[in-house]
Amino acid sequence: MGSALLSTKRLDGRTRNDDLIQIGCAKIRVPSIHNPAQLEAVMINTAGWVTGGDRLDWHFAAGAETRLTVTSQACERLYKSTGQRASIAVDLRVETGAQLNWLPQETILFDHCNAHRKIDADLNDNARLLLVEPHVFGRRAMNEVVRNCFLQDDWRIRHRGMLVHSEALRLEGDMDAHLQQIAVASAASAVAAIVLLETLGNGRLESCVQPARDLLGSSGGVSLIKQGQTGKLIARLVAKDSYTLRKSLIPLIQLLNEGAQMPKCWAL
């Protein structure tokens, strides 16, 4: 079991840590980086994995006019459960003029895993959220096959109090058989979902659409949706394995994150 919270504030033109709470196996480290306008938070699950009955709660708040990037020390692993369901809750808050980049490394699903995850995000005026979630169904290099699993993934994103994005994904049963279907993944074993959301008006979202499509080619798709003053770019990627997925995913993240470098954890 574990729960952790980190919030940021702007002080002397820099993004600073405002509050930090760590309970149980959920830890957060803040490495030194060369960009004083940004703070990087690394999530660490000291248990090493998630299995049946486990609960993890992560809370991150980017204060007004700050820039926060959240990543993970390594891939999260959803291991076999004997019956109980694991619970993962993510709470993100992005205040006025702030940017939060949610960039965890891949979640690896193992045979007979059983987990429910919820992501809730709230954005204020002129806030920006880049949310990236990659999933890998067994490691190809280890000849792993996911014959039976359960994963429920619920997202709710609100902008200025209004619900602007909702996802409800439920994966159940023989994932290897499901993934073989052309309409599902055409035998791919790695997928990623990306949402970039911000207030419309500066043209940044619109300028990213065609370059993102050119970058992904036939490995994914990109859409731009406008809802009142809110704009969201949604991308989906599929690949035969996690290595191939990263070859497209990392350049896409850098494009959507205005050319910023990836967290160093991604290179380890």
Protein backbone atom coordinates (compact mmCIF):
# COMPACT_ATOMS: atom_id res chain seq x y z
CA MET A 1 0.00 0.00 0.00
CA GLY A 2 1.22 3.49 -0.70
CA SER A 3 0.17 7.10 -1.14
CA ALA A 4 2.18 10.16 -2.17
CA LEU A 5 1.53 13.84 -2.88
CA LEU A 6 3.64 16.56 -4.46
CA SER A 7 2.66 20.15 -5.23
CA THR A 8 4.63 23.01 -6.77
CA LYS A 9 4.76 26.79 -6.48
CA ARG A 10 6.46 29.59 -8.39
CA LEU A 11 9.19 31.42 -6.49
CA ASP A 12 11.73 33.87 -7.95
CA GLY A 13 10.85 32.77 -11.47
CA ARG A 14 11.50 29.10 -10.68
CA THR A 15 9.27 26.09 -10.13
CA ARG A 16 9.78 24.93 -6.55
CA ASN A 17 8.51 22.08 -4.43
CA ASP A 18 5.67 23.33 -2.22
CA ASP A 19 4.52 20.20 -0.42
CA LEU A 20 5.65 16.57 -0.32
CA ILE A 21 4.00 13.66 1.48
CA GLN A 22 5.03 9.98 1.20
CA ILE A 23 3.31 7.01 2.84
CA GLY A 24 4.15 3.32 2.52
CA CYS A 25 5.70 2.05 -0.70
CA ALA A 26 4.88 5.21 -2.73
CA LYS A 27 7.93 7.47 -2.94
CA ILE A 28 8.73 10.60 -4.97
CA ARG A 29 12.19 11.87 -5.84
CA VAL A 30 12.99 15.24 -7.38
CA PRO A 31 16.27 15.04 -9.36
CA SER A 32 18.27 18.12 -10.31
CA ILE A 33 17.67 19.27 -13.89
CA HIS A 34 19.07 22.14 -15.95
CA ASN A 35 15.74 23.92 -16.49
CA PRO A 36 14.88 26.09 -13.43
CA ALA A 37 11.41 26.84 -14.81
CA GLN A 38 10.49 23.15 -14.53
CA LEU A 39 10.39 20.57 -11.77
CA GLU A 40 10.68 16.84 -12.46
CA ALA A 41 9.11 14.29 -10.11
CA VAL A 42 9.96 10.59 -10.28
CA MET A 43 7.48 8.08 -8.86
CA ILE A 44 8.95 5.01 -7.18
CA ASN A 45 6.97 1.99 -6.05
CA THR A 46 9.39 0.40 -3.59
CA ALA A 47 7.29 -2.79 -3.56
CA GLY A 48 8.60 -3.35 -7.08
CA TRP A 49 5.27 -4.28 -8.62
CA VAL A 50 1.47 -4.23 -8.24
CA THR A 51 -0.50 -7.39 -7.52
CA GLY A 52 -3.90 -8.42 -6.18
CA GLY A 53 -5.18 -6.31 -3.27
CA ASP A 54 -2.49 -3.62 -3.58
CA ARG A 55 -3.48 0.05 -3.53
CA LEU A 56 -1.46 3.00 -4.84
CA ASP A 57 -2.57 6.65 -4.70
CA TRP A 58 -0.66 9.40 -6.49
CA HIS A 59 -1.51 13.11 -6.13
CA PHE A 60 0.23 15.87 -8.10
CA ALA A 61 -0.62 19.56 -8.25
CA ALA A 62 1.11 22.07 -10.53
CA GLY A 63 0.72 25.49 -8.88
CA ALA A 64 -0.04 28.67 -10.81
CA GLU A 65 2.52 29.49 -13.53
CA THR A 66 4.64 26.40 -12.77
CA ARG A 67 5.73 23.51 -14.96
CA LEU A 68 5.77 19.98 -13.56
CA THR A 69 6.78 16.74 -15.28
CA VAL A 70 5.89 13.46 -13.58
CA THR A 71 7.51 10.21 -14.66
CA SER A 72 8.32 6.80 -13.15
CA GLN A 73 11.65 5.28 -12.18
CA ALA A 74 10.88 2.14 -14.20
CA CYS A 75 8.02 0.34 -15.91
CA GLU A 76 5.14 -0.50 -13.59
CA ARG A 77 4.40 -4.22 -13.48
CA LEU A 78 0.94 -5.66 -12.97
CA TYR A 79 1.67 -9.18 -11.73
CA LYS A 80 -0.54 -12.22 -11.33
CA SER A 81 -3.34 -11.93 -8.77
CA THR A 82 -4.83 -14.78 -6.78
CA GLY A 83 -8.24 -13.12 -6.99
CA GLN A 84 -8.20 -9.71 -5.33
CA ARG A 85 -8.17 -6.62 -7.52
CA ALA A 86 -5.41 -4.03 -7.29
CA SER A 87 -6.35 -0.34 -7.19
CA ILE A 88 -4.36 2.57 -8.63
CA ALA A 89 -5.67 6.13 -8.29
CA VAL A 90 -4.07 9.18 -9.93
CA ASP A 91 -5.18 12.71 -9.06
CA LEU A 92 -3.79 15.61 -11.13
CA ARG A 93 -4.39 19.33 -10.56
CA VAL A 94 -3.15 22.04 -12.93
CA GLU A 95 -3.64 25.62 -11.74
CA THR A 96 -3.92 28.81 -13.81
CA GLY A 97 -1.12 29.18 -16.35
CA ALA A 98 0.57 25.93 -15.30
CA GLN A 99 1.62 22.88 -17.29
CA LEU A 100 1.69 19.28 -16.09
CA ASN A 101 3.26 16.48 -18.12
CA TRP A 102 2.19 12.99 -17.02
CA LEU A 103 4.88 10.77 -18.57
CA PRO A 104 5.14 7.42 -16.79
CA GLN A 105 7.04 4.62 -18.46
CA GLU A 106 5.17 1.59 -19.76
CA THR A 107 2.79 -0.45 -17.64
CA ILE A 108 3.53 -4.12 -18.29
CA LEU A 109 0.61 -6.52 -17.94
CA PHE A 110 1.45 -10.07 -16.93
CA ASP A 111 -0.74 -13.16 -17.24
CA HIS A 112 -3.61 -13.23 -14.71
CA CYS A 113 -3.13 -9.63 -13.59
CA ASN A 114 -6.18 -7.93 -12.07
CA ALA A 115 -6.24 -4.14 -11.65
CA HIS A 116 -8.48 -1.07 -11.73
CA ARG A 117 -6.97 2.35 -12.31
CA LYS A 118 -8.58 5.79 -12.18
CA ILE A 119 -7.10 9.05 -13.47
CA ASP A 120 -8.84 12.28 -12.45
CA ALA A 121 -7.51 15.62 -13.69
CA ASP A 122 -8.69 19.20 -13.16
CA LEU A 123 -7.35 22.18 -15.13
CA ASN A 124 -7.88 25.90 -14.53
CA ASP A 125 -7.70 28.76 -17.06
CA ASN A 126 -4.76 28.67 -19.50
CA ALA A 127 -3.56 25.40 -18.01
CA ARG A 128 -1.99 22.66 -20.12
CA LEU A 129 -1.97 18.90 -19.57
CA LEU A 130 -0.01 16.30 -21.54
CA LEU A 131 -1.11 12.82 -20.49
CA VAL A 132 0.68 9.75 -21.85
CA GLU A 133 -0.12 6.13 -20.95
CA PRO A 134 1.73 3.24 -22.67
CA HIS A 135 0.79 -0.41 -22.06
CA VAL A 136 2.70 -3.59 -22.92
CA PHE A 137 1.01 -7.00 -22.93
CA GLY A 138 3.83 -9.32 -21.96
CA ARG A 139 7.48 -8.90 -22.91
CA ARG A 140 8.21 -10.24 -26.38
CA ALA A 141 11.89 -10.80 -25.61
CA MET A 142 10.86 -13.13 -22.77
CA ASN A 143 8.24 -14.93 -24.92
CA GLU A 144 5.52 -13.88 -22.48
CA VAL A 145 1.89 -14.26 -23.54
CA VAL A 146 -1.09 -12.79 -21.68
CA ARG A 147 -3.78 -15.47 -21.84
CA ASN A 148 -5.97 -14.07 -19.12
CA CYS A 149 -6.10 -10.62 -17.51
CA PHE A 150 -8.37 -7.88 -16.23
CA LEU A 151 -7.66 -4.16 -16.47
CA GLN A 152 -10.20 -1.40 -16.08
CA ASP A 153 -8.90 2.09 -16.84
CA ASP A 154 -11.13 5.13 -16.21
CA TRP A 155 -10.12 8.70 -17.10
CA ARG A 156 -11.97 11.92 -16.23
CA ILE A 157 -10.51 15.29 -17.22
CA ARG A 158 -12.20 18.59 -16.34
CA HIS A 159 -11.30 22.03 -17.64
CA ARG A 160 -12.59 25.01 -15.65
CA GLY A 161 -15.00 22.68 -13.89
CA MET A 162 -16.48 21.17 -17.07
CA LEU A 163 -15.94 17.52 -18.06
CA VAL A 164 -14.06 17.66 -21.37
CA HIS A 165 -12.60 14.18 -21.70
CA SER A 166 -13.68 10.77 -20.50
CA GLU A 167 -12.38 7.28 -21.23
CA ALA A 168 -13.50 3.90 -19.95
CA LEU A 169 -11.29 1.02 -21.05
CA ARG A 170 -11.97 -2.55 -19.95
CA LEU A 171 -9.64 -5.37 -20.95
CA GLU A 172 -10.68 -8.86 -19.95
CA GLY A 173 -10.02 -12.45 -20.95
CA ASP A 174 -7.52 -13.84 -23.43
CA MET A 175 -5.61 -10.71 -24.42
CA ASP A 176 -3.36 -12.56 -26.84
CA ALA A 177 -6.42 -13.65 -28.84
CA HIS A 178 -7.98 -10.17 -28.65
CA LEU A 179 -4.79 -8.45 -29.80
CA GLN A 180 -4.55 -10.69 -32.87
CA GLN A 181 -7.73 -9.16 -34.27
CA ILE A 182 -7.15 -6.56 -36.97
CA ALA A 183 -9.74 -4.20 -35.48
CA VAL A 184 -8.01 -4.35 -32.08
CA ALA A 185 -4.22 -4.35 -32.54
CA SER A 186 -3.42 -6.56 -35.53
CA ALA A 187 -1.06 -8.75 -33.46
CA ALA A 188 0.67 -5.79 -31.78
CA SER A 189 1.62 -6.20 -28.11
CA ALA A 190 2.29 -2.56 -27.17
CA VAL A 191 -0.10 0.40 -27.29
CA ALA A 192 -0.14 4.00 -26.09
CA ALA A 193 -2.80 6.65 -25.50
CA ILE A 194 -1.93 10.36 -25.53
CA VAL A 195 -4.08 13.38 -24.69
CA LEU A 196 -2.86 16.98 -24.90
CA LEU A 197 -5.37 19.48 -23.55
CA GLU A 198 -5.26 23.25 -23.23
CA THR A 199 -7.25 26.46 -23.77
CA LEU A 200 -7.68 27.34 -27.41
CA GLY A 201 -6.53 30.62 -28.87
CA ASN A 202 -2.76 30.46 -29.40
CA GLY A 203 -2.79 27.93 -32.26
CA ARG A 204 -0.34 25.53 -30.59
CA LEU A 205 -2.63 22.52 -30.74
CA GLU A 206 -3.56 23.07 -34.37
CA SER A 207 0.10 23.37 -35.37
CA CYS A 208 0.90 19.96 -33.86
CA VAL A 209 -1.69 17.88 -35.71
CA GLN A 210 -0.08 17.40 -39.12
CA PRO A 211 3.49 16.97 -37.81
CA ALA A 212 2.18 14.32 -35.39
CA ARG A 213 0.40 12.50 -38.20
CA ASP A 214 3.51 12.61 -40.36
CA LEU A 215 5.59 11.27 -37.49
CA LEU A 216 3.30 8.33 -36.73
CA GLY A 217 2.46 7.30 -40.28
CA SER A 218 0.57 4.00 -40.25
CA SER A 219 1.51 3.18 -36.64
CA GLY A 220 -1.16 5.42 -35.12
CA GLY A 221 -3.74 8.13 -35.52
CA VAL A 222 -4.19 11.74 -34.40
CA SER A 223 -7.37 13.78 -33.91
CA LEU A 224 -8.06 17.36 -32.82
CA ILE A 225 -11.33 18.04 -31.00
CA LYS A 226 -12.61 21.47 -29.95
CA GLN A 227 -15.14 21.83 -27.16
CA GLY A 228 -15.98 25.44 -26.44
CA GLN A 229 -12.73 27.13 -25.41
CA THR A 230 -11.06 23.79 -24.78
CA GLY A 231 -8.99 21.95 -27.34
CA LYS A 232 -7.64 18.43 -27.10
CA LEU A 233 -5.29 16.49 -29.31
CA ILE A 234 -5.76 12.73 -29.02
CA ALA A 235 -3.31 10.18 -30.39
CA ARG A 236 -3.23 6.39 -30.36
CA LEU A 237 -0.22 4.20 -31.18
CA VAL A 238 0.29 0.47 -31.68
CA ALA A 239 3.55 -1.46 -32.11
CA LYS A 240 4.81 -5.03 -32.10
CA ASP A 241 6.77 -4.49 -28.86
CA SER A 242 7.81 -1.80 -26.38
CA TYR A 243 11.08 -1.03 -28.16
CA THR A 244 9.28 -0.32 -31.42
CA LEU A 245 6.62 1.67 -29.56
CA ARG A 246 9.22 3.98 -28.04
CA LYS A 247 10.72 4.74 -31.44
CA SER A 248 7.49 6.56 -32.31
CA LEU A 249 6.28 7.55 -28.85
CA ILE A 250 9.35 9.48 -27.69
CA PRO A 251 9.53 11.79 -30.75
CA LEU A 252 5.77 12.36 -30.43
CA ILE A 253 6.07 13.34 -26.76
CA GLN A 254 8.89 15.75 -27.59
CA LEU A 255 6.83 17.29 -30.38
CA LEU A 256 3.81 17.80 -28.13
CA ASN A 257 6.00 19.03 -25.27
CA GLU A 258 7.49 21.85 -27.36
CA GLY A 259 10.76 20.06 -27.99
CA ALA A 260 11.64 19.47 -24.33
CA GLN A 261 13.99 16.62 -23.50
CA MET A 262 12.59 13.39 -22.13
CA PRO A 263 13.12 12.60 -18.42
CA LYS A 264 16.44 10.82 -17.91
CA CYS A 265 14.65 7.79 -16.45
CA TRP A 266 13.40 6.98 -19.93
CA ALA A 267 16.99 6.47 -21.11
CA LEU A 268 18.10 4.13 -18.32
